[in-house]
N, C-alpha and C. Protein backbone atom coordinates (compact mmCIF):
# COMPACT_ATOMS: atom_id res chain seq x y z
N MET A 1 -5.60 10.32 11.77
CA MET A 1 -4.69 9.99 10.70
C MET A 1 -4.55 8.47 10.60
N ALA A 2 -4.47 8.01 9.38
CA ALA A 2 -4.38 6.58 9.12
C ALA A 2 -3.14 6.29 8.28
N SER A 3 -2.77 5.01 8.27
CA SER A 3 -1.63 4.56 7.48
C SER A 3 -2.10 3.42 6.59
N TYR A 4 -1.73 3.45 5.32
CA TYR A 4 -2.21 2.49 4.34
C TYR A 4 -1.04 1.84 3.61
N ARG A 5 -1.13 0.52 3.46
CA ARG A 5 -0.12 -0.21 2.68
C ARG A 5 -0.56 -0.29 1.23
N ILE A 6 0.27 0.21 0.33
CA ILE A 6 0.01 0.10 -1.10
C ILE A 6 0.50 -1.26 -1.58
N VAL A 7 -0.39 -2.01 -2.24
CA VAL A 7 -0.04 -3.36 -2.70
C VAL A 7 0.00 -3.48 -4.23
N CYS A 8 -0.54 -2.47 -4.94
CA CYS A 8 -0.51 -2.50 -6.40
C CYS A 8 -0.66 -1.08 -6.93
N THR A 9 -0.28 -0.88 -8.19
CA THR A 9 -0.38 0.44 -8.81
C THR A 9 -0.85 0.31 -10.26
N ASP A 10 -1.36 1.40 -10.78
CA ASP A 10 -1.60 1.56 -12.22
C ASP A 10 -0.80 2.76 -12.64
N GLN A 11 -0.15 2.65 -13.79
CA GLN A 11 0.67 3.75 -14.30
C GLN A 11 0.22 4.14 -15.70
N ALA A 12 0.49 5.40 -16.02
CA ALA A 12 0.16 5.92 -17.35
C ALA A 12 1.31 6.77 -17.83
N PRO A 13 1.50 6.85 -19.14
CA PRO A 13 2.55 7.72 -19.67
C PRO A 13 2.32 9.17 -19.27
N ALA A 14 3.41 9.88 -19.02
CA ALA A 14 3.32 11.30 -18.71
C ALA A 14 2.75 12.04 -19.91
N ASP A 15 2.05 13.14 -19.64
CA ASP A 15 1.43 13.87 -20.74
C ASP A 15 2.37 14.91 -21.35
N LYS A 16 3.57 15.04 -20.82
CA LYS A 16 4.54 15.99 -21.37
C LYS A 16 5.92 15.34 -21.39
N PRO A 17 6.78 15.70 -22.35
CA PRO A 17 8.14 15.17 -22.37
C PRO A 17 8.91 15.63 -21.14
N PRO A 18 9.97 14.98 -20.71
CA PRO A 18 10.48 13.75 -21.31
C PRO A 18 9.55 12.57 -21.03
N SER A 19 9.63 11.55 -21.87
CA SER A 19 8.69 10.44 -21.71
C SER A 19 9.05 9.65 -20.45
N HIS A 20 8.06 9.40 -19.67
CA HIS A 20 8.17 8.62 -18.45
C HIS A 20 6.76 8.25 -18.02
N GLN A 21 6.66 7.46 -16.96
CA GLN A 21 5.34 7.06 -16.49
C GLN A 21 5.11 7.58 -15.08
N HIS A 22 3.84 7.76 -14.75
CA HIS A 22 3.44 8.18 -13.41
C HIS A 22 2.37 7.24 -12.88
N ILE A 23 2.35 7.10 -11.57
CA ILE A 23 1.31 6.32 -10.92
C ILE A 23 0.03 7.14 -10.93
N VAL A 24 -1.05 6.54 -11.40
CA VAL A 24 -2.33 7.25 -11.49
C VAL A 24 -3.40 6.66 -10.57
N ASN A 25 -3.20 5.42 -10.11
CA ASN A 25 -4.10 4.76 -9.16
C ASN A 25 -3.27 3.81 -8.31
N VAL A 26 -3.74 3.55 -7.10
CA VAL A 26 -3.11 2.53 -6.26
C VAL A 26 -4.19 1.68 -5.62
N GLY A 27 -3.77 0.52 -5.16
CA GLY A 27 -4.64 -0.33 -4.36
C GLY A 27 -3.99 -0.52 -3.00
N THR A 28 -4.79 -0.48 -1.94
CA THR A 28 -4.26 -0.66 -0.59
C THR A 28 -4.93 -1.86 0.07
N GLY A 29 -4.25 -2.39 1.08
CA GLY A 29 -4.81 -3.49 1.85
C GLY A 29 -3.73 -4.22 2.62
N THR A 30 -4.14 -5.23 3.34
CA THR A 30 -3.19 -6.02 4.13
C THR A 30 -2.71 -7.24 3.38
N ASN A 31 -3.46 -7.67 2.37
CA ASN A 31 -3.09 -8.82 1.56
C ASN A 31 -2.29 -8.34 0.36
N PRO A 32 -1.02 -8.75 0.24
CA PRO A 32 -0.20 -8.27 -0.88
C PRO A 32 -0.64 -8.76 -2.25
N ILE A 33 -1.56 -9.70 -2.29
CA ILE A 33 -2.02 -10.26 -3.56
C ILE A 33 -3.28 -9.57 -4.07
N ARG A 34 -4.03 -8.95 -3.16
CA ARG A 34 -5.31 -8.37 -3.56
C ARG A 34 -5.60 -7.10 -2.77
N ALA A 35 -5.89 -6.03 -3.47
CA ALA A 35 -6.21 -4.76 -2.82
C ALA A 35 -7.63 -4.78 -2.27
N ASP A 36 -7.78 -4.20 -1.08
CA ASP A 36 -9.11 -4.05 -0.49
C ASP A 36 -9.80 -2.78 -0.97
N LYS A 37 -8.98 -1.78 -1.32
CA LYS A 37 -9.53 -0.49 -1.73
C LYS A 37 -8.69 0.09 -2.86
N ARG A 38 -9.34 0.71 -3.81
CA ARG A 38 -8.66 1.40 -4.91
C ARG A 38 -8.73 2.90 -4.66
N TRP A 39 -7.62 3.60 -4.96
CA TRP A 39 -7.52 5.04 -4.78
C TRP A 39 -7.03 5.68 -6.08
N SER A 40 -7.59 6.80 -6.43
CA SER A 40 -7.02 7.59 -7.52
C SER A 40 -5.82 8.34 -6.96
N LEU A 41 -4.96 8.80 -7.83
CA LEU A 41 -3.82 9.60 -7.39
C LEU A 41 -4.30 10.79 -6.57
N GLN A 42 -5.34 11.47 -7.02
CA GLN A 42 -5.82 12.65 -6.31
C GLN A 42 -6.33 12.30 -4.91
N GLN A 43 -6.97 11.16 -4.76
CA GLN A 43 -7.43 10.73 -3.44
C GLN A 43 -6.25 10.49 -2.50
N VAL A 44 -5.18 9.90 -3.03
CA VAL A 44 -3.97 9.67 -2.22
C VAL A 44 -3.36 11.01 -1.81
N LEU A 45 -3.22 11.92 -2.76
CA LEU A 45 -2.63 13.23 -2.46
C LEU A 45 -3.47 13.98 -1.42
N ASP A 46 -4.80 13.94 -1.56
CA ASP A 46 -5.68 14.60 -0.59
C ASP A 46 -5.53 13.98 0.79
N ALA A 47 -5.46 12.65 0.85
CA ALA A 47 -5.29 11.97 2.14
C ALA A 47 -3.95 12.34 2.78
N MET A 48 -2.90 12.43 1.97
CA MET A 48 -1.59 12.83 2.49
C MET A 48 -1.64 14.25 3.05
N ASP A 49 -2.35 15.12 2.35
CA ASP A 49 -2.48 16.50 2.82
C ASP A 49 -3.20 16.58 4.17
N LYS A 50 -4.05 15.60 4.45
CA LYS A 50 -4.78 15.56 5.72
C LYS A 50 -4.00 14.83 6.81
N GLY A 51 -2.81 14.31 6.47
CA GLY A 51 -1.96 13.66 7.46
C GLY A 51 -1.89 12.15 7.38
N ASP A 52 -2.62 11.53 6.46
CA ASP A 52 -2.53 10.09 6.30
C ASP A 52 -1.20 9.73 5.65
N THR A 53 -0.73 8.52 5.91
CA THR A 53 0.53 8.08 5.33
C THR A 53 0.30 6.82 4.50
N PHE A 54 1.19 6.60 3.54
CA PHE A 54 1.16 5.43 2.68
C PHE A 54 2.56 4.83 2.66
N TYR A 55 2.61 3.52 2.48
CA TYR A 55 3.89 2.82 2.47
C TYR A 55 3.78 1.55 1.64
N THR A 56 4.92 0.95 1.37
CA THR A 56 4.97 -0.35 0.72
C THR A 56 5.82 -1.28 1.59
N ILE A 57 5.68 -2.58 1.37
CA ILE A 57 6.54 -3.57 2.02
C ILE A 57 6.98 -4.54 0.95
N GLY A 58 8.28 -4.76 0.84
CA GLY A 58 8.80 -5.71 -0.13
C GLY A 58 8.43 -7.13 0.25
N GLU A 59 7.92 -7.89 -0.70
CA GLU A 59 7.51 -9.26 -0.43
C GLU A 59 8.69 -10.16 -0.08
N ARG A 60 9.82 -10.00 -0.75
CA ARG A 60 10.99 -10.83 -0.47
C ARG A 60 11.83 -10.25 0.65
N SER A 61 12.04 -8.95 0.63
CA SER A 61 12.93 -8.32 1.61
C SER A 61 12.25 -8.04 2.94
N GLY A 62 10.94 -7.85 2.93
CA GLY A 62 10.23 -7.47 4.14
C GLY A 62 10.48 -6.03 4.56
N LYS A 63 11.19 -5.28 3.71
CA LYS A 63 11.55 -3.89 4.02
C LYS A 63 10.40 -2.95 3.68
N ARG A 64 10.20 -1.98 4.57
CA ARG A 64 9.15 -0.98 4.40
C ARG A 64 9.73 0.27 3.76
N ALA A 65 8.98 0.86 2.84
CA ALA A 65 9.37 2.13 2.22
C ALA A 65 8.20 3.10 2.34
N GLU A 66 8.46 4.27 2.85
CA GLU A 66 7.44 5.31 2.93
C GLU A 66 7.17 5.87 1.54
N VAL A 67 5.97 6.33 1.31
CA VAL A 67 5.58 6.93 0.03
C VAL A 67 5.45 8.42 0.24
N ASP A 68 6.07 9.19 -0.65
CA ASP A 68 6.10 10.64 -0.56
C ASP A 68 5.48 11.28 -1.79
N LYS A 69 5.03 12.52 -1.63
CA LYS A 69 4.61 13.34 -2.76
C LYS A 69 5.86 13.95 -3.39
N TYR A 70 5.83 14.15 -4.70
CA TYR A 70 6.90 14.90 -5.34
C TYR A 70 6.33 15.68 -6.51
N TRP A 71 6.98 16.77 -6.82
CA TRP A 71 6.56 17.66 -7.90
C TRP A 71 7.28 17.26 -9.18
N CYS A 72 6.54 16.93 -10.22
CA CYS A 72 7.12 16.64 -11.54
C CYS A 72 7.12 17.95 -12.31
N THR A 73 8.29 18.53 -12.47
CA THR A 73 8.41 19.84 -13.12
C THR A 73 7.90 19.82 -14.56
N PRO A 74 8.30 18.84 -15.40
CA PRO A 74 7.78 18.86 -16.78
C PRO A 74 6.26 18.74 -16.85
N CYS A 75 5.68 17.97 -15.92
CA CYS A 75 4.23 17.76 -15.94
C CYS A 75 3.47 18.87 -15.21
N GLY A 76 4.16 19.58 -14.32
CA GLY A 76 3.54 20.67 -13.59
C GLY A 76 2.51 20.23 -12.57
N ARG A 77 2.75 19.09 -11.91
CA ARG A 77 1.81 18.62 -10.89
C ARG A 77 2.47 17.62 -9.95
N TRP A 78 1.75 17.32 -8.86
CA TRP A 78 2.23 16.39 -7.85
C TRP A 78 1.95 14.95 -8.23
N PHE A 79 2.87 14.07 -7.86
CA PHE A 79 2.72 12.63 -8.00
C PHE A 79 3.26 11.98 -6.75
N ILE A 80 3.29 10.65 -6.70
CA ILE A 80 3.83 9.95 -5.55
C ILE A 80 4.96 9.03 -5.98
N ARG A 81 5.84 8.74 -5.02
CA ARG A 81 6.92 7.77 -5.24
C ARG A 81 7.34 7.21 -3.90
N SER A 82 7.94 6.02 -3.95
CA SER A 82 8.44 5.42 -2.72
C SER A 82 9.79 6.04 -2.38
N HIS A 83 10.07 6.10 -1.10
CA HIS A 83 11.32 6.67 -0.62
C HIS A 83 12.48 5.80 -1.10
N ALA A 84 13.50 6.42 -1.66
CA ALA A 84 14.66 5.69 -2.18
C ALA A 84 15.40 5.01 -1.03
N ASP A 85 15.60 3.69 -1.16
CA ASP A 85 16.30 2.95 -0.12
C ASP A 85 17.16 1.81 -0.66
N ALA A 86 17.36 1.73 -1.96
CA ALA A 86 18.19 0.71 -2.61
C ALA A 86 17.61 -0.70 -2.49
N VAL A 87 16.34 -0.81 -2.12
CA VAL A 87 15.65 -2.10 -2.09
C VAL A 87 14.65 -2.10 -3.24
N GLN A 88 14.75 -3.09 -4.11
CA GLN A 88 13.93 -3.08 -5.32
C GLN A 88 12.49 -3.52 -5.11
N ASP A 89 12.25 -4.52 -4.25
CA ASP A 89 10.90 -5.09 -4.20
C ASP A 89 9.89 -4.25 -3.41
N ASN A 90 10.34 -3.17 -2.77
CA ASN A 90 9.37 -2.28 -2.11
C ASN A 90 9.17 -0.98 -2.88
N ASN A 91 9.71 -0.92 -4.08
CA ASN A 91 9.58 0.25 -4.93
C ASN A 91 8.19 0.26 -5.58
N LEU A 92 7.50 1.40 -5.54
CA LEU A 92 6.17 1.49 -6.16
C LEU A 92 6.17 1.02 -7.60
N ASP A 93 7.23 1.34 -8.34
CA ASP A 93 7.29 0.94 -9.75
C ASP A 93 7.37 -0.57 -9.94
N ASN A 94 7.77 -1.29 -8.91
CA ASN A 94 7.93 -2.74 -9.03
C ASN A 94 6.79 -3.55 -8.42
N LEU A 95 5.79 -2.86 -7.88
CA LEU A 95 4.62 -3.57 -7.35
C LEU A 95 3.77 -4.09 -8.50
N PRO A 96 2.95 -5.11 -8.26
CA PRO A 96 2.07 -5.60 -9.31
C PRO A 96 1.09 -4.51 -9.76
N ARG A 97 0.59 -4.66 -10.97
CA ARG A 97 -0.44 -3.75 -11.48
C ARG A 97 -1.78 -4.16 -10.88
N CYS A 98 -2.60 -3.17 -10.62
CA CYS A 98 -3.92 -3.43 -10.00
C CYS A 98 -4.88 -4.05 -11.01
């Protein structure tokens, strides 16, 4: 099992109402400015199913947030999100775009 730091994301509008966005790709690496590897959402979900973990680290706060799978009921499928911790800069939605 491995652990990967997510440093950037790509998001796309949900395909079903209510309107919202979902992460569809991520970039991982040790450098917060540049991803070493790009992952599709499905690759991340598959890796999580095999026991790998993903996380973010806030650039200003230095706080780590674990990334979890969640079921989007309107969309009828799994997506990922950072664990809620009231820290903004480690939130997946606030990371730079890949």
